[in-house]
Amino acid sequence: MRLHLHLVSDSTGETLESVAKAGLAQFEDVETIKHFWPLVRSKGHLERVLMDIAKRPGLVLFTLVSVEMRGHLEARCRTMGLPAVGVLDPVIEGLQTVLGQRAAARPGHQHQMDDAYFRRVAAIDYTMNHDDGQGADNWEEADILLIGVSRSSKTPTSIYLANRGFKTANLPLVPTSRPPEQLFRLTKPMVVGLTTNPDRLVQVRRNRLLSLAQAPETSYVDMDEVTKEVAAARRLCADNGWPVIDVSRRSIEETAAAIINLYNERAEARANGSAA
């Protein structure tokens, strides 16, 4: 089945993309053709969008705060016999009911350059400069430090966490060398070990070597050696009381969500300890 999906937003459209992705994940055998329309803030722009929707009819998802703009979009979609869904409507209506006030019609207000925005920028900058064991002298400034054997998704997970506002460093565990002493003296960052199934790890490493045109048969991909390497990393974490997350069947987003959950639990426990 083929679906034309029109995403119409008066802001960046990130919310629409996330909602559409989550919804489509529940359906199989659907060929989706996305038409992305961000920053639609004038009636003239909306008219051009509607002309394209008429040529390629399908489902319309929108986030428009202007009553006039959304009314025009919904009316035209009804005329064309197309469904138009305001994805934030139930959330805003619920908030209005609980808070007892009307929502402010401010397009893209969640993207304002406030303190949270600049913290996220700082987190991304820190994370990029502390990848792959770099900047060990500054690890105490991190919120999270990820450790794990080579190819255990440390870097992509770090970058994702940085985009969520967490200063994240990462350190590869190498079988032939002891980690830097700074690792064992940290007090502020939460150290988390990432591990994976040796079978999967060997396959990932083989693919990596092939992509680099390197010899595919080394201790780096020897099953016995890799199994020992993974076990040693687990023991290191167990000996130091660091939590371990198995990334074998997790996406980067799922791994990051589990880490954030651990981070919040740790912060709450520390706050309660201080209060006591």
Protein backbone atom coordinates (compact mmCIF):
# COMPACT_ATOMS: atom_id res chain seq x y z
CA MET A 1 0.00 0.00 0.00
CA ARG A 2 1.28 3.47 -0.87
CA LEU A 3 0.61 6.45 1.40
CA HIS A 4 1.29 10.11 0.73
CA LEU A 5 1.92 11.68 4.14
CA HIS A 6 1.90 15.48 4.35
CA LEU A 7 3.55 17.02 7.43
CA VAL A 8 2.55 20.69 7.76
CA SER A 9 4.10 22.78 10.53
CA ASP A 10 4.54 26.44 11.42
CA SER A 11 7.81 25.46 13.15
CA THR A 12 10.64 23.03 12.39
CA GLY A 13 8.36 20.00 12.07
CA GLU A 14 10.43 17.82 14.41
CA THR A 15 7.36 16.94 16.47
CA LEU A 16 5.44 15.85 13.39
CA GLU A 17 8.31 13.71 12.15
CA SER A 18 8.61 11.95 15.52
CA VAL A 19 4.86 11.31 15.76
CA ALA A 20 4.68 10.09 12.16
CA LYS A 21 7.64 7.76 12.65
CA ALA A 22 6.15 6.29 15.83
CA GLY A 23 2.76 5.79 14.19
CA LEU A 24 4.09 4.24 10.99
CA ALA A 25 6.17 1.77 13.00
CA GLN A 26 2.91 0.03 13.92
CA PHE A 27 2.08 -0.80 10.30
CA GLU A 28 3.70 -3.19 7.86
CA ASP A 29 3.91 -3.27 4.07
CA VAL A 30 3.22 0.45 3.69
CA GLU A 31 5.27 2.49 1.22
CA THR A 32 5.22 5.96 2.71
CA ILE A 33 6.07 9.03 0.67
CA LYS A 34 6.59 11.94 3.06
CA HIS A 35 6.03 15.53 2.02
CA PHE A 36 7.58 17.85 4.58
CA TRP A 37 6.27 21.41 4.90
CA PRO A 38 8.01 23.31 7.75
CA LEU A 39 7.75 27.00 8.69
CA VAL A 40 4.31 27.50 7.11
CA ARG A 41 3.34 30.83 8.65
CA SER A 42 1.52 32.72 5.90
CA LYS A 43 -1.69 32.06 4.02
CA GLY A 44 0.16 32.31 0.71
CA HIS A 45 2.60 29.59 1.79
CA LEU A 46 -0.27 27.43 3.01
CA GLU A 47 -2.03 27.81 -0.34
CA ARG A 48 1.04 26.48 -2.15
CA VAL A 49 1.12 23.53 0.24
CA LEU A 50 -2.57 22.82 -0.37
CA MET A 51 -2.00 22.83 -4.12
CA ASP A 52 0.58 20.07 -3.70
CA ILE A 53 -1.68 18.13 -1.34
CA ALA A 54 -4.42 18.25 -3.98
CA LYS A 55 -2.02 16.79 -6.56
CA ARG A 56 -0.85 14.02 -4.20
CA PRO A 57 -3.73 13.38 -1.80
CA GLY A 58 -3.13 11.49 1.42
CA LEU A 59 -3.06 11.90 5.20
CA VAL A 60 -2.31 15.39 6.52
CA LEU A 61 -0.67 15.80 9.93
CA PHE A 62 -0.23 19.34 11.16
CA THR A 63 0.93 21.58 13.99
CA LEU A 64 -0.41 25.09 13.36
CA VAL A 65 -1.12 27.42 16.28
CA SER A 66 -2.91 30.08 14.22
CA VAL A 67 -6.67 29.49 14.44
CA GLU A 68 -7.16 31.07 11.02
CA MET A 69 -4.45 28.98 9.36
CA ARG A 70 -5.55 25.67 10.82
CA GLY A 71 -9.19 26.45 10.07
CA HIS A 72 -8.33 27.09 6.44
CA LEU A 73 -6.30 23.88 6.22
CA GLU A 74 -9.03 21.75 7.81
CA ALA A 75 -11.74 23.28 5.59
CA ARG A 76 -9.80 22.64 2.40
CA CYS A 77 -8.96 19.09 3.46
CA ARG A 78 -12.64 18.40 4.14
CA THR A 79 -13.46 19.67 0.66
CA MET A 80 -10.89 17.27 -0.79
CA GLY A 81 -12.14 14.43 1.38
CA LEU A 82 -8.81 14.08 3.17
CA PRO A 83 -8.21 13.50 6.89
CA ALA A 84 -6.30 16.29 8.66
CA VAL A 85 -5.02 15.59 12.17
CA GLY A 86 -3.70 18.20 14.60
CA VAL A 87 -1.26 15.98 16.48
CA LEU A 88 -0.83 18.25 19.52
CA ASP A 89 -4.52 19.02 20.00
CA PRO A 90 -5.27 16.37 22.69
CA VAL A 91 -2.15 17.33 24.65
CA ILE A 92 -2.88 21.07 24.56
CA GLU A 93 -6.54 20.51 25.45
CA GLY A 94 -5.52 18.36 28.42
CA LEU A 95 -3.03 20.97 29.63
CA GLN A 96 -5.59 23.75 29.28
CA THR A 97 -8.06 21.78 31.37
CA VAL A 98 -5.58 20.97 34.14
CA LEU A 99 -3.85 24.36 34.21
CA GLY A 100 -7.01 26.40 33.78
CA GLN A 101 -5.55 28.69 31.14
CA ARG A 102 -5.48 29.05 27.37
CA ALA A 103 -2.41 28.06 25.39
CA ALA A 104 -0.32 30.87 23.92
CA ALA A 105 -0.28 30.72 20.13
CA ARG A 106 3.49 30.96 19.65
CA PRO A 107 4.91 28.92 16.75
CA GLY A 108 8.18 27.13 17.53
CA HIS A 109 8.33 28.42 21.09
CA GLN A 110 9.88 25.12 22.21
CA HIS A 111 12.93 26.01 20.11
CA GLN A 112 13.67 29.32 21.79
CA MET A 113 17.31 30.02 22.68
CA ASP A 114 16.88 29.83 26.45
CA ASP A 115 19.14 28.36 29.14
CA ALA A 116 18.13 24.81 28.22
CA TYR A 117 19.11 25.45 24.60
CA PHE A 118 22.57 26.70 25.52
CA ARG A 119 23.06 23.81 27.96
CA ARG A 120 22.34 21.42 25.10
CA VAL A 121 24.83 23.22 22.85
CA ALA A 122 27.45 23.02 25.60
CA ALA A 123 26.71 19.32 26.08
CA ILE A 124 27.20 18.62 22.38
CA ASP A 125 30.48 20.57 22.34
CA TYR A 126 31.75 18.72 25.43
CA THR A 127 30.76 15.33 24.08
CA MET A 128 32.45 15.82 20.71
CA ASN A 129 35.67 16.78 22.52
CA HIS A 130 35.56 13.79 24.88
CA ASP A 131 34.94 10.95 22.45
CA ASP A 132 36.99 7.75 22.44
CA GLY A 133 38.84 8.41 25.70
CA GLN A 134 39.85 12.00 24.95
CA GLY A 135 40.09 14.70 27.61
CA ALA A 136 40.40 12.41 30.61
CA ASP A 137 41.52 15.32 32.79
CA ASN A 138 38.07 16.90 32.32
CA TRP A 139 35.91 13.81 32.88
CA GLU A 140 34.74 15.13 36.24
CA GLU A 141 32.75 17.78 34.33
CA ALA A 142 30.71 15.08 32.55
CA ASP A 143 27.21 14.03 33.53
CA ILE A 144 27.70 10.53 32.11
CA LEU A 145 30.75 8.46 31.15
CA LEU A 146 30.15 5.45 28.93
CA ILE A 147 32.66 2.60 28.90
CA GLY A 148 32.71 -0.58 26.85
CA VAL A 149 34.67 -2.70 24.42
CA SER A 150 35.24 -1.52 20.87
CA ARG A 151 32.09 -1.29 18.68
CA SER A 152 29.59 -1.35 21.56
CA SER A 153 27.76 1.81 20.38
CA LYS A 154 29.48 4.21 22.78
CA THR A 155 29.94 7.11 20.37
CA PRO A 156 26.45 7.22 18.79
CA THR A 157 24.87 6.81 22.23
CA SER A 158 27.03 9.65 23.57
CA ILE A 159 25.97 11.94 20.74
CA TYR A 160 22.30 11.12 21.27
CA LEU A 161 22.62 11.84 25.02
CA ALA A 162 24.37 15.13 24.22
CA ASN A 163 21.40 16.14 22.09
CA ARG A 164 19.27 15.50 25.16
CA GLY A 165 21.47 17.89 27.16
CA PHE A 166 23.82 15.46 28.94
CA LYS A 167 27.56 16.08 28.84
CA THR A 168 28.79 12.62 27.89
CA ALA A 169 32.31 11.24 27.62
CA ASN A 170 33.15 7.72 26.49
CA LEU A 171 36.09 5.38 26.91
CA PRO A 172 36.92 2.23 24.95
CA LEU A 173 38.10 -0.68 27.09
CA VAL A 174 41.19 -2.22 25.53
CA PRO A 175 42.19 -5.75 26.65
CA THR A 176 45.91 -4.97 26.62
CA SER A 177 45.84 -1.81 28.75
CA ARG A 178 44.36 -0.66 32.05
CA PRO A 179 41.89 2.24 31.93
CA PRO A 180 43.19 5.66 33.04
CA GLU A 181 43.30 6.16 36.80
CA GLN A 182 40.95 9.13 36.46
CA LEU A 183 38.13 6.66 35.78
CA PHE A 184 38.34 5.23 39.26
CA ARG A 185 38.39 8.61 41.02
CA LEU A 186 35.25 10.12 39.47
CA THR A 187 32.51 11.36 41.80
CA LYS A 188 30.16 13.52 39.70
CA PRO A 189 29.67 11.56 36.45
CA MET A 190 27.60 8.38 36.34
CA VAL A 191 29.73 5.63 34.81
CA VAL A 192 27.74 3.15 32.70
CA GLY A 193 29.07 0.08 30.96
CA LEU A 194 27.76 -0.89 27.53
CA THR A 195 28.01 -4.55 26.59
CA THR A 196 26.78 -6.74 23.77
CA ASN A 197 26.52 -10.34 22.66
CA PRO A 198 29.93 -11.67 21.50
CA ASP A 199 28.42 -13.23 18.36
CA ARG A 200 26.91 -9.92 17.32
CA LEU A 201 30.06 -8.05 18.27
CA VAL A 202 32.24 -10.28 16.10
CA GLN A 203 29.93 -9.67 13.13
CA VAL A 204 29.96 -5.90 13.67
CA ARG A 205 33.74 -5.89 13.94
CA ARG A 206 34.14 -8.02 10.82
CA ASN A 207 32.01 -5.58 8.87
CA ARG A 208 34.09 -2.73 10.22
CA LEU A 209 37.34 -4.35 9.12
CA LEU A 210 35.94 -5.09 5.67
CA SER A 211 34.83 -1.47 5.27
CA LEU A 212 38.39 -0.39 6.08
CA ALA A 213 39.87 -3.03 3.74
CA GLN A 214 41.78 -4.56 6.64
CA ALA A 215 42.60 -8.23 7.35
CA PRO A 216 39.36 -9.91 8.51
CA GLU A 217 41.09 -12.55 10.66
CA THR A 218 42.71 -11.09 13.78
CA SER A 219 42.26 -11.42 17.54
CA TYR A 220 39.92 -8.44 17.19
CA VAL A 221 37.31 -10.80 15.71
CA ASP A 222 38.39 -14.11 17.28
CA MET A 223 35.33 -15.48 19.10
CA ASP A 224 37.27 -16.78 22.12
CA GLU A 225 39.18 -13.53 22.52
CA VAL A 226 36.08 -11.40 22.07
CA THR A 227 34.17 -13.48 24.64
CA LYS A 228 37.00 -12.97 27.15
CA GLU A 229 37.09 -9.25 26.33
CA VAL A 230 33.36 -8.83 26.98
CA ALA A 231 33.57 -10.84 30.21
CA ALA A 232 36.50 -8.74 31.45
CA ALA A 233 34.57 -5.53 30.79
CA ARG A 234 31.59 -6.88 32.74
CA ARG A 235 33.86 -7.80 35.67
CA LEU A 236 35.37 -4.32 35.69
CA CYS A 237 31.90 -2.80 36.00
CA ALA A 238 30.80 -5.30 38.65
CA ASP A 239 33.93 -4.70 40.73
CA ASN A 240 33.29 -0.94 40.74
CA GLY A 241 29.52 -1.02 41.11
CA TRP A 242 28.85 0.51 37.70
CA PRO A 243 25.57 -0.41 35.97
CA VAL A 244 25.75 -2.33 32.70
CA ILE A 245 23.34 -2.11 29.76
CA ASP A 246 23.23 -4.81 27.08
CA VAL A 247 22.84 -3.06 23.71
CA SER A 248 22.52 -6.29 21.67
CA ARG A 249 18.85 -5.80 20.90
CA ARG A 250 18.45 -2.13 21.70
CA SER A 251 18.37 0.83 19.37
CA ILE A 252 20.50 3.86 20.25
CA GLU A 253 17.34 5.62 21.44
CA GLU A 254 16.38 2.71 23.71
CA THR A 255 19.87 2.51 25.16
CA ALA A 256 19.89 6.26 25.83
CA ALA A 257 16.44 6.08 27.46
CA ALA A 258 17.68 3.35 29.83
CA ILE A 259 20.75 5.45 30.71
CA ILE A 260 18.65 8.57 31.35
CA ASN A 261 16.38 6.51 33.61
CA LEU A 262 19.41 5.34 35.62
CA TYR A 263 20.73 8.91 35.76
CA ASN A 264 17.43 10.26 37.09
CA GLU A 265 17.18 7.49 39.68
CA ARG A 266 20.72 8.28 40.85
CA ALA A 267 19.98 12.01 41.04
CA GLU A 268 16.81 11.36 43.04
CA ALA A 269 18.61 9.02 45.42
CA ARG A 270 21.34 11.60 45.98
CA ALA A 271 18.78 14.35 46.56
CA ASN A 272 16.92 12.22 49.10
CA GLY A 273 20.19 11.41 50.80
CA SER A 274 21.02 15.10 51.05
CA ALA A 275 17.55 15.87 52.40
CA ALA A 276 17.96 13.18 55.04
